[in-house]
């Protein structure tokens, strides 16, 4: 996420009526700059590098509040840990490497069209969806 997108995330936080406390700003900054999907413990480790006094409970409470306001997305992949990312401006899907836990974001217009087509064939209209594909490196 770019610096501009980080500022946009903080602006969206204000618009949601949330105060931008020091801990909240640090957490938003880390999430905005993350190119992975950290769990709360990893997020806490990164945040204390910026704001050493922030405790783990504060990070838990903050990400839950941000998720309630749809400013961050909470993901639960196969490893069972809740992972977070700043709410993306556009939809994307995920590859999850089952060997390393790495999460790779991607977007495929072809997959999006196919999902719409299949939903219509079954008489549905998609209102929301998420696609997580579990992968391993090719041999």
Protein backbone atom coordinates (compact mmCIF):
# COMPACT_ATOMS: atom_id res chain seq x y z
CA UNK A 1 0.00 0.00 0.00
CA UNK A 2 1.41 3.43 -0.86
CA UNK A 3 1.80 6.35 1.53
CA UNK A 4 -1.24 7.94 -0.12
CA UNK A 5 -3.28 4.79 0.54
CA UNK A 6 -2.03 4.81 4.14
CA UNK A 7 -3.29 8.39 4.58
CA UNK A 8 -6.57 7.33 2.97
CA UNK A 9 -6.90 4.52 5.52
CA UNK A 10 -6.44 7.02 8.36
CA UNK A 11 -8.98 9.34 6.76
CA UNK A 12 -11.47 6.48 6.49
CA UNK A 13 -10.85 5.79 10.18
CA UNK A 14 -11.76 9.39 11.04
CA UNK A 15 -14.85 9.22 8.82
CA UNK A 16 -15.94 6.11 10.72
CA UNK A 17 -15.86 8.21 13.89
CA UNK A 18 -12.79 6.50 15.33
CA UNK A 19 -10.16 8.53 17.14
CA UNK A 20 -6.64 8.24 15.76
CA UNK A 21 -4.79 7.46 18.97
CA UNK A 22 -1.04 6.84 18.86
CA UNK A 23 -1.43 3.06 19.08
CA UNK A 24 -4.15 3.05 16.43
CA UNK A 25 -1.99 5.13 14.08
CA UNK A 26 0.95 2.77 14.56
CA UNK A 27 -1.23 -0.28 13.88
CA UNK A 28 -2.76 1.34 10.79
CA UNK A 29 0.70 2.27 9.53
CA UNK A 30 2.01 -1.27 9.93
CA UNK A 31 -1.05 -2.77 8.26
CA UNK A 32 -0.92 -0.27 5.41
CA UNK A 33 2.75 -1.05 4.77
CA UNK A 34 2.42 -4.85 5.09
CA UNK A 35 2.60 -6.82 1.90
CA UNK A 36 1.72 -9.99 3.78
CA UNK A 37 -1.18 -10.84 6.07
CA UNK A 38 0.24 -10.76 9.62
CA UNK A 39 -1.49 -12.39 12.55
CA UNK A 40 -1.93 -10.35 15.73
CA UNK A 41 1.32 -11.57 17.29
CA UNK A 42 3.34 -10.61 14.20
CA UNK A 43 1.47 -7.32 13.93
CA UNK A 44 2.30 -6.61 17.59
CA UNK A 45 5.99 -7.41 16.99
CA UNK A 46 6.09 -4.87 14.14
CA UNK A 47 4.08 -2.23 15.99
CA UNK A 48 6.33 -2.22 19.07
CA UNK A 49 9.25 -1.34 16.80
CA UNK A 50 7.42 1.95 16.17
CA UNK A 51 5.62 2.38 19.51
CA UNK A 52 7.36 0.27 22.19
CA UNK A 53 4.66 0.73 24.84
CA UNK A 54 1.80 -0.92 22.94
CA UNK A 55 0.69 -4.20 24.48
CA UNK A 56 -0.74 -7.24 22.74
CA UNK A 57 -4.25 -6.70 24.16
CA UNK A 58 -4.34 -3.23 22.58
CA UNK A 59 -3.49 -4.72 19.19
CA UNK A 60 -6.23 -7.35 19.57
CA UNK A 61 -8.84 -4.74 20.53
CA UNK A 62 -7.76 -2.38 17.77
CA UNK A 63 -7.86 -4.90 14.91
CA UNK A 64 -11.27 -6.09 16.09
CA UNK A 65 -12.57 -2.52 16.10
CA UNK A 66 -11.05 -1.81 12.69
CA UNK A 67 -12.56 -5.02 11.29
CA UNK A 68 -15.99 -4.09 12.69
CA UNK A 69 -15.74 -0.81 10.77
CA UNK A 70 -14.50 -2.64 7.64
CA UNK A 71 -11.19 -0.80 7.66
CA UNK A 72 -9.27 -4.05 7.84
CA UNK A 73 -10.14 -7.52 6.65
CA UNK A 74 -9.79 -10.56 8.85
CA UNK A 75 -8.81 -13.80 7.13
CA UNK A 76 -8.73 -17.28 8.57
CA UNK A 77 -6.61 -19.51 6.39
CA UNK A 78 -5.91 -23.22 6.96
CA UNK A 79 -3.30 -22.58 9.66
CA UNK A 80 -6.12 -21.45 11.96
CA UNK A 81 -4.57 -18.08 12.80
CA UNK A 82 -6.58 -14.94 12.16
CA UNK A 83 -4.61 -12.76 9.77
CA UNK A 84 -5.25 -9.16 8.84
CA UNK A 85 -4.82 -6.76 5.97
CA UNK A 86 -5.88 -3.20 5.38
CA UNK A 87 -9.19 -3.28 3.53
CA UNK A 88 -8.14 -3.23 -0.11
CA UNK A 89 -9.55 -0.63 -2.49
CA UNK A 90 -10.36 -3.37 -5.01
CA UNK A 91 -11.29 -7.02 -4.72
CA UNK A 92 -8.56 -9.64 -4.87
CA UNK A 93 -8.16 -13.33 -4.16
CA UNK A 94 -5.44 -15.30 -2.38
CA UNK A 95 -3.03 -18.13 -3.00
CA UNK A 96 -1.91 -19.66 0.32
CA UNK A 97 1.30 -21.67 0.17
CA UNK A 98 0.63 -24.75 2.34
CA UNK A 99 4.35 -25.35 2.86
CA UNK A 100 5.40 -21.86 3.95
CA UNK A 101 2.16 -20.09 4.92
CA UNK A 102 2.95 -17.29 2.46
CA UNK A 103 -0.13 -15.48 1.14
CA UNK A 104 -0.04 -14.12 -2.40
CA UNK A 105 -2.74 -11.74 -3.60
CA UNK A 106 -3.96 -11.90 -7.18
CA UNK A 107 -6.82 -10.76 -9.36
CA UNK A 108 -8.19 -12.57 -12.39
CA UNK A 109 -10.91 -11.01 -14.49
CA UNK A 110 -11.45 -14.42 -16.08
CA UNK A 111 -12.19 -16.01 -12.68
CA UNK A 112 -14.49 -13.12 -11.78
CA UNK A 113 -16.46 -13.53 -15.03
CA UNK A 114 -16.69 -17.31 -14.55
CA UNK A 115 -18.02 -16.91 -10.99
CA UNK A 116 -20.69 -14.50 -12.24
CA UNK A 117 -21.66 -16.87 -15.05
CA UNK A 118 -21.96 -19.87 -12.74
CA UNK A 119 -23.98 -17.90 -10.18
CA UNK A 120 -26.39 -16.78 -12.91
CA UNK A 121 -26.73 -20.35 -14.20
CA UNK A 122 -27.84 -21.37 -10.70
CA UNK A 123 -30.21 -18.40 -10.44
CA UNK A 124 -28.08 -16.33 -8.05
CA UNK A 125 -26.55 -12.90 -7.95
CA UNK A 126 -23.21 -12.65 -6.14
CA UNK A 127 -23.30 -10.08 -3.35
CA UNK A 128 -19.92 -10.93 -1.86
CA UNK A 129 -17.30 -13.61 -2.21
CA UNK A 130 -13.81 -14.65 -1.26
CA UNK A 131 -11.54 -17.07 -3.06
CA UNK A 132 -8.62 -18.67 -1.20
CA UNK A 133 -6.66 -21.24 -3.17
CA UNK A 134 -4.26 -23.47 -1.28
CA UNK A 135 -1.11 -24.19 -3.28
CA UNK A 136 2.33 -25.68 -3.06
CA UNK A 137 5.36 -24.99 -5.28
CA UNK A 138 5.48 -26.99 -8.48
CA UNK A 139 7.89 -29.91 -8.42
